[in-house]
C-alpha atoms as a PDB file:
ATOM      1  CA  UNK A   1      15.615  32.746  12.469  1.00  0.00           C
ATOM      2  CA  UNK A   2      14.520  33.207   9.226  1.00  0.00           C
ATOM      3  CA  UNK A   3      16.682  30.173   8.255  1.00  0.00           C
ATOM      4  CA  UNK A   4      14.942  27.870  10.787  1.00  0.00           C
ATOM      5  CA  UNK A   5      11.395  28.976   9.635  1.00  0.00           C
ATOM      6  CA  UNK A   6      12.471  28.067   5.981  1.00  0.00           C
ATOM      7  CA  UNK A   7      13.529  24.808   7.114  1.00  0.00           C
ATOM      8  CA  UNK A   8      10.500  24.046   8.937  1.00  0.00           C
ATOM      9  CA  UNK A   9       8.085  25.306   5.923  1.00  0.00           C
ATOM     10  CA  UNK A  10      10.215  22.987   3.768  1.00  0.00           C
ATOM     11  CA  UNK A  11       9.681  20.227   5.857  1.00  0.00           C
ATOM     12  CA  UNK A  12       6.016  20.684   6.090  1.00  0.00           C
ATOM     13  CA  UNK A  13       5.838  20.722   2.234  1.00  0.00           C
ATOM     14  CA  UNK A  14       7.760  17.827   1.746  1.00  0.00           C
ATOM     15  CA  UNK A  15       5.330  15.808   4.387  1.00  0.00           C
ATOM     16  CA  UNK A  16       2.589  17.147   2.505  1.00  0.00           C
ATOM     17  CA  UNK A  17       3.505  16.025  -0.847  1.00  0.00           C
ATOM     18  CA  UNK A  18       4.498  12.524   0.563  1.00  0.00           C
ATOM     19  CA  UNK A  19       1.123  12.025   1.847  1.00  0.00           C
ATOM     20  CA  UNK A  20      -0.382  13.461  -1.666  1.00  0.00           C
ATOM     21  CA  UNK A  21       1.511  10.991  -3.411  1.00  0.00           C
ATOM     22  CA  UNK A  22       0.626   7.934  -1.044  1.00  0.00           C
ATOM     23  CA  UNK A  23      -2.787   8.289  -2.049  1.00  0.00           C
ATOM     24  CA  UNK A  24      -2.478   8.413  -5.647  1.00  0.00           C
ATOM     25  CA  UNK A  25      -3.493   4.513  -5.938  1.00  0.00           C
ATOM     26  CA  UNK A  26      -6.569   5.373  -3.567  1.00  0.00           C
ATOM     27  CA  UNK A  27      -7.585   8.177  -5.718  1.00  0.00           C
ATOM     28  CA  UNK A  28      -7.757   6.250  -8.912  1.00  0.00           C
ATOM     29  CA  UNK A  29      -9.483   3.137  -7.326  1.00  0.00           C
ATOM     30  CA  UNK A  30     -12.353   5.530  -6.150  1.00  0.00           C
ATOM     31  CA  UNK A  31     -15.317   4.425  -8.234  1.00  0.00           C
ATOM     32  CA  UNK A  32     -16.850   0.997  -9.482  1.00  0.00           C
ATOM     33  CA  UNK A  33     -14.785  -1.677 -11.041  1.00  0.00           C
ATOM     34  CA  UNK A  34     -16.295  -4.739 -13.089  1.00  0.00           C
ATOM     35  CA  UNK A  35     -15.241  -8.311 -13.794  1.00  0.00           C
ATOM     36  CA  UNK A  36     -17.398 -10.870 -15.554  1.00  0.00           C
ATOM     37  CA  UNK A  37     -19.264 -11.577 -18.760  1.00  0.00           C
ATOM     38  CA  UNK A  38     -22.436 -10.182 -20.247  1.00  0.00           C
ATOM     39  CA  UNK A  39     -24.747 -12.617 -18.189  1.00  0.00           C
ATOM     40  CA  UNK A  40     -23.153 -12.992 -14.976  1.00  0.00           C
ATOM     41  CA  UNK A  41     -20.641 -10.310 -13.414  1.00  0.00           C
ATOM     42  CA  UNK A  42     -19.061  -8.670 -10.193  1.00  0.00           C
ATOM     43  CA  UNK A  43     -19.106  -4.997  -9.518  1.00  0.00           C
ATOM     44  CA  UNK A  44     -16.739  -3.495  -6.585  1.00  0.00           C
ATOM     45  CA  UNK A  45     -17.298  -0.047  -5.752  1.00  0.00           C
ATOM     46  CA  UNK A  46     -14.397   1.491  -3.750  1.00  0.00           C
ATOM     47  CA  UNK A  47     -15.418   4.824  -1.766  1.00  0.00           C
ATOM     48  CA  UNK A  48     -13.090   6.164   1.032  1.00  0.00           C
ATOM     49  CA  UNK A  49     -11.812   3.347   2.634  1.00  0.00           C
ATOM     50  CA  UNK A  50     -14.964   0.957   2.067  1.00  0.00           C
ATOM     51  CA  UNK A  51     -16.199  -1.598  -0.614  1.00  0.00           C
ATOM     52  CA  UNK A  52     -19.195  -2.974  -1.694  1.00  0.00           C
ATOM     53  CA  UNK A  53     -19.226  -6.213  -3.889  1.00  0.00           C
ATOM     54  CA  UNK A  54     -22.458  -6.875  -5.945  1.00  0.00           C
ATOM     55  CA  UNK A  55     -22.947  -9.927  -8.271  1.00  0.00           C
ATOM     56  CA  UNK A  56     -25.439  -9.489 -11.141  1.00  0.00           C
ATOM     57  CA  UNK A  57     -27.177 -12.262 -12.800  1.00  0.00           C
ATOM     58  CA  UNK A  58     -29.099 -11.019 -16.331  1.00  0.00           C
ATOM     59  CA  UNK A  59     -29.037  -7.410 -15.099  1.00  0.00           C
ATOM     60  CA  UNK A  60     -30.374  -8.128 -11.858  1.00  0.00           C
ATOM     61  CA  UNK A  61     -28.624  -8.031  -8.543  1.00  0.00           C
ATOM     62  CA  UNK A  62     -28.237 -10.955  -6.321  1.00  0.00           C
ATOM     63  CA  UNK A  63     -28.823  -9.531  -2.977  1.00  0.00           C
ATOM     64  CA  UNK A  64     -27.592 -12.515  -0.962  1.00  0.00           C
ATOM     65  CA  UNK A  65     -24.416 -12.121  -2.493  1.00  0.00           C
ATOM     66  CA  UNK A  66     -23.720  -8.839  -1.903  1.00  0.00           C
ATOM     67  CA  UNK A  67     -21.061  -8.103   0.577  1.00  0.00           C
ATOM     68  CA  UNK A  68     -19.709  -5.032   1.984  1.00  0.00           C
ATOM     69  CA  UNK A  69     -16.395  -4.182   4.332  1.00  0.00           C
ATOM     70  CA  UNK A  70     -13.427  -2.315   4.109  1.00  0.00           C
ATOM     71  CA  UNK A  71     -10.327  -2.098   2.107  1.00  0.00           C
ATOM     72  CA  UNK A  72      -6.355  -1.134   2.519  1.00  0.00           C
ATOM     73  CA  UNK A  73      -3.730  -0.506  -0.138  1.00  0.00           C
ATOM     74  CA  UNK A  74      -0.263  -1.899   0.248  1.00  0.00           C
ATOM     75  CA  UNK A  75       2.719  -1.977  -1.943  1.00  0.00           C
ATOM     76  CA  UNK A  76       1.536  -4.559  -4.576  1.00  0.00           C
ATOM     77  CA  UNK A  77      -2.357  -5.522  -3.604  1.00  0.00           C
ATOM     78  CA  UNK A  78      -5.717  -4.330  -2.436  1.00  0.00           C
ATOM     79  CA  UNK A  79      -6.731  -6.258   0.636  1.00  0.00           C
ATOM     80  CA  UNK A  80     -10.414  -6.714   0.963  1.00  0.00           C
ATOM     81  CA  UNK A  81     -11.979  -7.383   4.480  1.00  0.00           C
ATOM     82  CA  UNK A  82     -15.480  -8.203   4.180  1.00  0.00           C
ATOM     83  CA  UNK A  83     -18.432  -7.715   7.106  1.00  0.00           C
ATOM     84  CA  UNK A  84     -19.043 -11.366   6.943  1.00  0.00           C
ATOM     85  CA  UNK A  85     -15.450 -12.160   7.801  1.00  0.00           C
ATOM     86  CA  UNK A  86     -14.166 -13.421   4.417  1.00  0.00           C
ATOM     87  CA  UNK A  87     -10.944 -11.535   3.078  1.00  0.00           C
ATOM     88  CA  UNK A  88      -9.371 -11.050  -0.634  1.00  0.00           C
ATOM     89  CA  UNK A  89      -6.897  -9.692  -2.377  1.00  0.00           C
ATOM     90  CA  UNK A  90      -6.598  -7.779  -5.914  1.00  0.00           C
ATOM     91  CA  UNK A  91      -3.192  -7.486  -7.340  1.00  0.00           C
ATOM     92  CA  UNK A  92      -2.609  -3.910  -9.249  1.00  0.00           C
ATOM     93  CA  UNK A  93      -0.271  -1.800 -11.190  1.00  0.00           C
ATOM     94  CA  UNK A  94       0.122   1.745 -11.317  1.00  0.00           C
ATOM     95  CA  UNK A  95       1.739   3.102 -14.358  1.00  0.00           C
ATOM     96  CA  UNK A  96       1.775   7.024 -14.413  1.00  0.00           C
ATOM     97  CA  UNK A  97      -1.908   8.224 -13.722  1.00  0.00           C
ATOM     98  CA  UNK A  98      -3.127   4.661 -14.857  1.00  0.00           C
ATOM     99  CA  UNK A  99      -4.670   2.229 -12.288  1.00  0.00           C
ATOM    100  CA  UNK A 100      -4.981  -1.389 -13.641  1.00  0.00           C
ATOM    101  CA  UNK A 101      -6.594  -4.003 -11.417  1.00  0.00           C
ATOM    102  CA  UNK A 102      -6.026  -7.571 -12.180  1.00  0.00           C
ATOM    103  CA  UNK A 103      -9.282  -9.118 -13.837  1.00  0.00           C
ATOM    104  CA  UNK A 104     -11.221  -5.665 -13.537  1.00  0.00           C
ATOM    105  CA  UNK A 105     -11.992  -2.799 -15.558  1.00  0.00           C
ATOM    106  CA  UNK A 106     -13.538   0.543 -14.775  1.00  0.00           C
ATOM    107  CA  UNK A 107     -17.378   0.245 -15.159  1.00  0.00           C
ATOM    108  CA  UNK A 108     -18.567   2.716 -17.578  1.00  0.00           C
END
């Protein structure tokens, strides 16, 4: 009986660790990322499965170019699915705890 309980507990612990490991990219992704230059740039904000993209010109948000939607993470890219029907992909690499998105850097 003790052996069976031990095996069940080990199985539950392995499932919990697998679930946590799979979310490391998502945890590192949370927050705002930026691409572009000083005058025109785009921000992508990721939070709990949702993404908001905003375009700025000279520090002012261009409201007609703001998009919201959802994202999914696969093995090599982040798939963006906006509410207006447009889609996008961002390639990423994960080096230890450091997430790198192609063409984007973490906003400060």
